[in-house]
Every structure is written in structure tokens, then in C-alpha cells.
């Protein structure tokens, strides 16, 4: 019997420099985490990697607040998003 092979998830990043209302509406309508599709629409306040990881966790419907004390005050949000 052949062991099952792991299926690697496909990740696609779509950037629209025009970012018009129709594109935004279509992208947000496609958001469906249970089907493996998330739409992350960073706002103007997403100016750091930590803020982007926070937004990604929220888009994945995961808790974005990690309680505790962390080195340099930076919670391990990217580690949580990667998990």
C-alpha cells in the first residue's frame, strides 16, 4: 500500500494597484476560511509586520490577542499565523 502524500496548500497573493470598489467587493465576497480562502484587506493603519500578522489572524478567524509578556513587547503573531 502506498502511503498518502501530503497536499501542499496553494497560496496566491493578488495585488490591485487600482483597488477599485468592484475588485474590493469581489475579493471580500470570496472570503471563506472553511473553504481555504481568506481575504485580507490591509487598511492604511497596517504599517508594520506585526499589524499585518494581526490582520491575518483575524482573517483566519483566530484570536489575534496573545496574552503574556514577550521580549521587546512583541507578541509572536507571525508564529501564530504560521501555525
C-alpha atoms as a PDB file:
ATOM      1  CA  UNK A   1       0.000   0.000   0.000  1.00  0.00           C
ATOM      2  CA  UNK A   2       1.341   3.415  -0.938  1.00  0.00           C
ATOM      3  CA  UNK A   3       1.373   5.983   1.892  1.00  0.00           C
ATOM      4  CA  UNK A   4      -0.729   9.084   1.246  1.00  0.00           C
ATOM      5  CA  UNK A   5       1.151  12.129   0.063  1.00  0.00           C
ATOM      6  CA  UNK A   6       0.750  15.470   1.753  1.00  0.00           C
ATOM      7  CA  UNK A   7      -1.005  18.093  -0.311  1.00  0.00           C
ATOM      8  CA  UNK A   8       0.685  21.450  -0.072  1.00  0.00           C
ATOM      9  CA  UNK A   9      -1.673  24.412   0.188  1.00  0.00           C
ATOM     10  CA  UNK A  10      -1.643  26.878  -2.656  1.00  0.00           C
ATOM     11  CA  UNK A  11      -1.136  30.476  -1.636  1.00  0.00           C
ATOM     12  CA  UNK A  12      -1.918  33.268  -4.055  1.00  0.00           C
ATOM     13  CA  UNK A  13      -1.339  36.943  -3.448  1.00  0.00           C
ATOM     14  CA  UNK A  14      -3.357  39.348  -5.544  1.00  0.00           C
ATOM     15  CA  UNK A  15      -2.416  42.994  -5.616  1.00  0.00           C
ATOM     16  CA  UNK A  16      -4.523  45.507  -7.473  1.00  0.00           C
ATOM     17  CA  UNK A  17      -2.845  48.880  -7.747  1.00  0.00           C
ATOM     18  CA  UNK A  18      -6.152  50.414  -8.814  1.00  0.00           C
ATOM     19  CA  UNK A  19      -8.042  48.747  -5.943  1.00  0.00           C
ATOM     20  CA  UNK A  20     -11.410  49.903  -7.198  1.00  0.00           C
ATOM     21  CA  UNK A  21     -14.688  49.168  -5.440  1.00  0.00           C
ATOM     22  CA  UNK A  22     -15.586  46.249  -7.743  1.00  0.00           C
ATOM     23  CA  UNK A  23     -12.279  44.474  -7.065  1.00  0.00           C
ATOM     24  CA  UNK A  24     -12.575  45.022  -3.311  1.00  0.00           C
ATOM     25  CA  UNK A  25     -16.164  43.751  -3.274  1.00  0.00           C
ATOM     26  CA  UNK A  26     -15.227  40.612  -5.235  1.00  0.00           C
ATOM     27  CA  UNK A  27     -12.216  39.876  -3.041  1.00  0.00           C
ATOM     28  CA  UNK A  28     -14.156  40.312   0.198  1.00  0.00           C
ATOM     29  CA  UNK A  29     -17.031  38.182  -1.140  1.00  0.00           C
ATOM     30  CA  UNK A  30     -14.549  35.351  -1.826  1.00  0.00           C
ATOM     31  CA  UNK A  31     -13.517  35.228   1.856  1.00  0.00           C
ATOM     32  CA  UNK A  32     -14.430  31.763   3.179  1.00  0.00           C
ATOM     33  CA  UNK A  33     -11.909  30.317   5.674  1.00  0.00           C
ATOM     34  CA  UNK A  34     -13.661  26.924   5.875  1.00  0.00           C
ATOM     35  CA  UNK A  35     -13.082  26.538   2.132  1.00  0.00           C
ATOM     36  CA  UNK A  36      -9.447  27.601   2.487  1.00  0.00           C
ATOM     37  CA  UNK A  37      -9.922  31.105   1.112  1.00  0.00           C
ATOM     38  CA  UNK A  38      -9.155  34.211   3.123  1.00  0.00           C
ATOM     39  CA  UNK A  39      -9.255  37.794   2.038  1.00  0.00           C
ATOM     40  CA  UNK A  40      -7.050  40.226   3.888  1.00  0.00           C
ATOM     41  CA  UNK A  41      -7.679  43.840   3.107  1.00  0.00           C
ATOM     42  CA  UNK A  42      -4.969  45.800   4.893  1.00  0.00           C
ATOM     43  CA  UNK A  43      -6.065  49.269   5.811  1.00  0.00           C
ATOM     44  CA  UNK A  44      -3.985  52.412   5.987  1.00  0.00           C
ATOM     45  CA  UNK A  45      -3.019  51.633   9.591  1.00  0.00           C
ATOM     46  CA  UNK A  46      -1.341  48.360   8.567  1.00  0.00           C
ATOM     47  CA  UNK A  47       2.098  49.888   8.567  1.00  0.00           C
ATOM     48  CA  UNK A  48       4.074  47.172  10.328  1.00  0.00           C
ATOM     49  CA  UNK A  49       4.658  43.455  10.028  1.00  0.00           C
ATOM     50  CA  UNK A  50       3.069  42.926  13.442  1.00  0.00           C
ATOM     51  CA  UNK A  51      -0.108  44.736  12.379  1.00  0.00           C
ATOM     52  CA  UNK A  52      -0.251  42.667   9.177  1.00  0.00           C
ATOM     53  CA  UNK A  53       0.122  39.412  11.160  1.00  0.00           C
ATOM     54  CA  UNK A  54      -2.661  40.611  13.483  1.00  0.00           C
ATOM     55  CA  UNK A  55      -4.944  41.276  10.496  1.00  0.00           C
ATOM     56  CA  UNK A  56      -4.083  37.881   9.002  1.00  0.00           C
ATOM     57  CA  UNK A  57      -5.045  36.092  12.228  1.00  0.00           C
ATOM     58  CA  UNK A  58      -8.351  37.961  12.289  1.00  0.00           C
ATOM     59  CA  UNK A  59      -8.999  36.996   8.648  1.00  0.00           C
ATOM     60  CA  UNK A  60      -8.309  33.375   9.600  1.00  0.00           C
ATOM     61  CA  UNK A  61     -10.876  33.775  12.393  1.00  0.00           C
ATOM     62  CA  UNK A  62      -8.193  33.066  15.008  1.00  0.00           C
ATOM     63  CA  UNK A  63      -7.527  35.014  18.201  1.00  0.00           C
ATOM     64  CA  UNK A  64      -5.153  37.861  17.452  1.00  0.00           C
ATOM     65  CA  UNK A  65      -4.510  38.722  21.095  1.00  0.00           C
ATOM     66  CA  UNK A  66      -1.877  36.553  22.707  1.00  0.00           C
ATOM     67  CA  UNK A  67      -1.717  37.146  26.458  1.00  0.00           C
ATOM     68  CA  UNK A  68       1.590  37.259  28.254  1.00  0.00           C
ATOM     69  CA  UNK A  69       4.872  39.121  28.363  1.00  0.00           C
ATOM     70  CA  UNK A  70       7.157  38.886  25.332  1.00  0.00           C
ATOM     71  CA  UNK A  71      10.690  40.052  24.531  1.00  0.00           C
ATOM     72  CA  UNK A  72      10.713  43.623  23.293  1.00  0.00           C
ATOM     73  CA  UNK A  73       6.950  43.742  23.835  1.00  0.00           C
ATOM     74  CA  UNK A  74       6.367  41.894  20.538  1.00  0.00           C
ATOM     75  CA  UNK A  75       3.896  39.022  20.748  1.00  0.00           C
ATOM     76  CA  UNK A  76       4.716  36.078  18.440  1.00  0.00           C
ATOM     77  CA  UNK A  77       1.910  36.902  15.987  1.00  0.00           C
ATOM     78  CA  UNK A  78       3.756  35.619  12.900  1.00  0.00           C
ATOM     79  CA  UNK A  79       4.435  32.333  14.641  1.00  0.00           C
ATOM     80  CA  UNK A  80       0.729  32.068  15.486  1.00  0.00           C
ATOM     81  CA  UNK A  81      -0.292  32.924  11.914  1.00  0.00           C
ATOM     82  CA  UNK A  82       2.137  30.351  10.510  1.00  0.00           C
ATOM     83  CA  UNK A  83       0.791  27.663  12.828  1.00  0.00           C
END
